[in-house]
C-alpha atoms as a PDB file:
ATOM      1  CA  UNK A   1     -19.289  14.425 -22.366  1.00  0.00           C
ATOM      2  CA  UNK A   2     -17.938  10.841 -22.409  1.00  0.00           C
ATOM      3  CA  UNK A   3     -15.478   9.786 -19.832  1.00  0.00           C
ATOM      4  CA  UNK A   4     -12.584   7.866 -21.316  1.00  0.00           C
ATOM      5  CA  UNK A   5     -10.762   4.975 -19.620  1.00  0.00           C
ATOM      6  CA  UNK A   6      -7.468   6.889 -19.907  1.00  0.00           C
ATOM      7  CA  UNK A   7      -8.960   9.715 -17.894  1.00  0.00           C
ATOM      8  CA  UNK A   8     -10.200   7.292 -15.196  1.00  0.00           C
ATOM      9  CA  UNK A   9      -6.812   5.726 -15.063  1.00  0.00           C
ATOM     10  CA  UNK A  10      -5.062   9.076 -14.656  1.00  0.00           C
ATOM     11  CA  UNK A  11      -7.516  10.045 -11.851  1.00  0.00           C
ATOM     12  CA  UNK A  12      -7.011   6.722 -10.047  1.00  0.00           C
ATOM     13  CA  UNK A  13      -3.215   7.072 -10.333  1.00  0.00           C
ATOM     14  CA  UNK A  14      -3.309  10.601  -8.999  1.00  0.00           C
ATOM     15  CA  UNK A  15      -5.529   9.487  -6.043  1.00  0.00           C
ATOM     16  CA  UNK A  16      -3.079   6.628  -5.244  1.00  0.00           C
ATOM     17  CA  UNK A  17      -0.030   8.951  -5.462  1.00  0.00           C
ATOM     18  CA  UNK A  18      -1.666  11.449  -3.137  1.00  0.00           C
ATOM     19  CA  UNK A  19      -2.542   8.764  -0.577  1.00  0.00           C
ATOM     20  CA  UNK A  20       1.091   7.426  -0.815  1.00  0.00           C
ATOM     21  CA  UNK A  21       2.521  10.864  -0.389  1.00  0.00           C
ATOM     22  CA  UNK A  22       0.380  11.361   2.776  1.00  0.00           C
ATOM     23  CA  UNK A  23       1.545   7.973   4.119  1.00  0.00           C
ATOM     24  CA  UNK A  24       5.216   8.850   3.255  1.00  0.00           C
ATOM     25  CA  UNK A  25       4.935  12.035   5.349  1.00  0.00           C
ATOM     26  CA  UNK A  26       3.702  10.001   8.317  1.00  0.00           C
ATOM     27  CA  UNK A  27       6.465   7.332   7.920  1.00  0.00           C
ATOM     28  CA  UNK A  28       9.156  10.025   7.535  1.00  0.00           C
ATOM     29  CA  UNK A  29       7.765  11.754  10.661  1.00  0.00           C
ATOM     30  CA  UNK A  30       8.670   8.626  12.578  1.00  0.00           C
ATOM     31  CA  UNK A  31      11.908   7.844  10.710  1.00  0.00           C
ATOM     32  CA  UNK A  32      13.360  11.242   9.565  1.00  0.00           C
ATOM     33  CA  UNK A  33      16.419  11.611   7.391  1.00  0.00           C
ATOM     34  CA  UNK A  34      15.551   9.669   4.306  1.00  0.00           C
ATOM     35  CA  UNK A  35      13.436   9.603   1.218  1.00  0.00           C
ATOM     36  CA  UNK A  36      10.777   7.324  -0.217  1.00  0.00           C
ATOM     37  CA  UNK A  37      10.452   6.533  -3.919  1.00  0.00           C
ATOM     38  CA  UNK A  38       7.574   4.725  -5.738  1.00  0.00           C
ATOM     39  CA  UNK A  39       8.789   2.473  -8.499  1.00  0.00           C
ATOM     40  CA  UNK A  40       7.232  -0.176 -10.705  1.00  0.00           C
ATOM     41  CA  UNK A  41       3.826  -0.161 -12.485  1.00  0.00           C
ATOM     42  CA  UNK A  42       2.247   2.492 -10.254  1.00  0.00           C
ATOM     43  CA  UNK A  43       5.155   4.939 -10.933  1.00  0.00           C
ATOM     44  CA  UNK A  44       5.063   4.164 -14.663  1.00  0.00           C
ATOM     45  CA  UNK A  45       1.342   4.441 -14.942  1.00  0.00           C
ATOM     46  CA  UNK A  46       0.854   0.984 -16.449  1.00  0.00           C
ATOM     47  CA  UNK A  47      -0.690  -0.656 -13.284  1.00  0.00           C
ATOM     48  CA  UNK A  48      -3.658  -3.005 -13.220  1.00  0.00           C
ATOM     49  CA  UNK A  49      -5.876  -4.606 -10.700  1.00  0.00           C
ATOM     50  CA  UNK A  50      -3.185  -7.042  -9.646  1.00  0.00           C
ATOM     51  CA  UNK A  51      -0.335  -4.564  -9.314  1.00  0.00           C
ATOM     52  CA  UNK A  52       1.446  -4.174  -6.055  1.00  0.00           C
ATOM     53  CA  UNK A  53       3.042  -1.094  -4.552  1.00  0.00           C
ATOM     54  CA  UNK A  54       6.814  -0.969  -4.733  1.00  0.00           C
ATOM     55  CA  UNK A  55       8.793   1.498  -2.655  1.00  0.00           C
ATOM     56  CA  UNK A  56      12.493   2.291  -2.229  1.00  0.00           C
ATOM     57  CA  UNK A  57      13.528   3.485   1.208  1.00  0.00           C
ATOM     58  CA  UNK A  58      16.690   5.426   0.870  1.00  0.00           C
ATOM     59  CA  UNK A  59      18.753   6.901   3.681  1.00  0.00           C
ATOM     60  CA  UNK A  60      22.337   7.934   4.433  1.00  0.00           C
ATOM     61  CA  UNK A  61      23.252   4.536   5.906  1.00  0.00           C
ATOM     62  CA  UNK A  62      22.118   0.942   5.931  1.00  0.00           C
ATOM     63  CA  UNK A  63      20.573   1.037   9.450  1.00  0.00           C
ATOM     64  CA  UNK A  64      18.549   4.102   8.684  1.00  0.00           C
ATOM     65  CA  UNK A  65      17.437   2.707   5.326  1.00  0.00           C
ATOM     66  CA  UNK A  66      16.364  -0.600   6.979  1.00  0.00           C
ATOM     67  CA  UNK A  67      14.445   1.331   9.720  1.00  0.00           C
ATOM     68  CA  UNK A  68      12.679   3.345   7.093  1.00  0.00           C
ATOM     69  CA  UNK A  69      11.791   0.215   5.167  1.00  0.00           C
ATOM     70  CA  UNK A  70      10.444  -1.384   8.343  1.00  0.00           C
ATOM     71  CA  UNK A  71       8.301   1.622   8.941  1.00  0.00           C
ATOM     72  CA  UNK A  72       6.852   1.556   5.456  1.00  0.00           C
ATOM     73  CA  UNK A  73       5.795  -2.069   6.018  1.00  0.00           C
ATOM     74  CA  UNK A  74       4.490  -1.392   9.503  1.00  0.00           C
ATOM     75  CA  UNK A  75       2.269   1.319   8.118  1.00  0.00           C
ATOM     76  CA  UNK A  76       1.024  -0.970   5.313  1.00  0.00           C
ATOM     77  CA  UNK A  77       2.172   1.572   2.805  1.00  0.00           C
ATOM     78  CA  UNK A  78       3.679  -0.838   0.230  1.00  0.00           C
ATOM     79  CA  UNK A  79       3.808  -4.497  -0.707  1.00  0.00           C
ATOM     80  CA  UNK A  80       7.415  -4.581  -1.453  1.00  0.00           C
ATOM     81  CA  UNK A  81      10.215  -2.356  -0.024  1.00  0.00           C
ATOM     82  CA  UNK A  82      13.889  -2.199  -0.901  1.00  0.00           C
ATOM     83  CA  UNK A  83      16.285  -0.453   1.502  1.00  0.00           C
ATOM     84  CA  UNK A  84      19.229   1.406  -0.129  1.00  0.00           C
ATOM     85  CA  UNK A  85      21.826   3.836   1.054  1.00  0.00           C
ATOM     86  CA  UNK A  86      21.977   7.156  -0.800  1.00  0.00           C
ATOM     87  CA  UNK A  87      25.222   6.037  -2.405  1.00  0.00           C
ATOM     88  CA  UNK A  88      23.746   2.682  -3.587  1.00  0.00           C
ATOM     89  CA  UNK A  89      20.687   4.412  -5.003  1.00  0.00           C
ATOM     90  CA  UNK A  90      22.785   7.036  -6.980  1.00  0.00           C
ATOM     91  CA  UNK A  91      25.144   4.221  -8.248  1.00  0.00           C
ATOM     92  CA  UNK A  92      22.302   1.985  -9.303  1.00  0.00           C
ATOM     93  CA  UNK A  93      20.053   4.564 -10.988  1.00  0.00           C
ATOM     94  CA  UNK A  94      23.084   6.021 -12.856  1.00  0.00           C
ATOM     95  CA  UNK A  95      24.843   2.691 -13.506  1.00  0.00           C
ATOM     96  CA  UNK A  96      24.874   0.298 -16.512  1.00  0.00           C
ATOM     97  CA  UNK A  97      22.361  -2.172 -15.345  1.00  0.00           C
ATOM     98  CA  UNK A  98      19.249  -1.654 -17.523  1.00  0.00           C
ATOM     99  CA  UNK A  99      16.916  -2.896 -14.768  1.00  0.00           C
ATOM    100  CA  UNK A 100      18.176  -0.242 -12.246  1.00  0.00           C
ATOM    101  CA  UNK A 101      18.375   2.444 -14.884  1.00  0.00           C
ATOM    102  CA  UNK A 102      14.651   1.899 -15.744  1.00  0.00           C
ATOM    103  CA  UNK A 103      13.868   2.099 -12.074  1.00  0.00           C
ATOM    104  CA  UNK A 104      15.766   5.338 -11.742  1.00  0.00           C
ATOM    105  CA  UNK A 105      14.112   6.783 -14.831  1.00  0.00           C
ATOM    106  CA  UNK A 106      10.540   5.916 -13.667  1.00  0.00           C
ATOM    107  CA  UNK A 107      10.724   6.291  -9.876  1.00  0.00           C
ATOM    108  CA  UNK A 108       8.511   9.010  -8.354  1.00  0.00           C
ATOM    109  CA  UNK A 109       9.761  10.669  -5.141  1.00  0.00           C
ATOM    110  CA  UNK A 110       7.013  10.421  -2.647  1.00  0.00           C
ATOM    111  CA  UNK A 111       8.614  12.646   0.032  1.00  0.00           C
ATOM    112  CA  UNK A 112      11.923  13.503   1.548  1.00  0.00           C
ATOM    113  CA  UNK A 113      13.076  14.616   5.003  1.00  0.00           C
END
């Protein structure tokens, strides 16, 4: 039975998501009360060898979101992290900006406290 490139890509993406979910649980163990969301090419499934890992750190207030983002970086979980409050995340993902609507549509929740 021949292995297709699409099958290999799906397996690699599933492996990456599983590893990120494990890291998210560790980060949220240190910084409880928020959620972490994967966005960008890894969330959409159109990643390549040069793709970075993009994460949203979402919490009830700015200080918690920033602390969560710092923890993500400290653990080496992502290359880019954006810190948002819950309100900002809901407004952006449901707003009129096509960039944020696309992020909201494609984002994958890694874990939540």
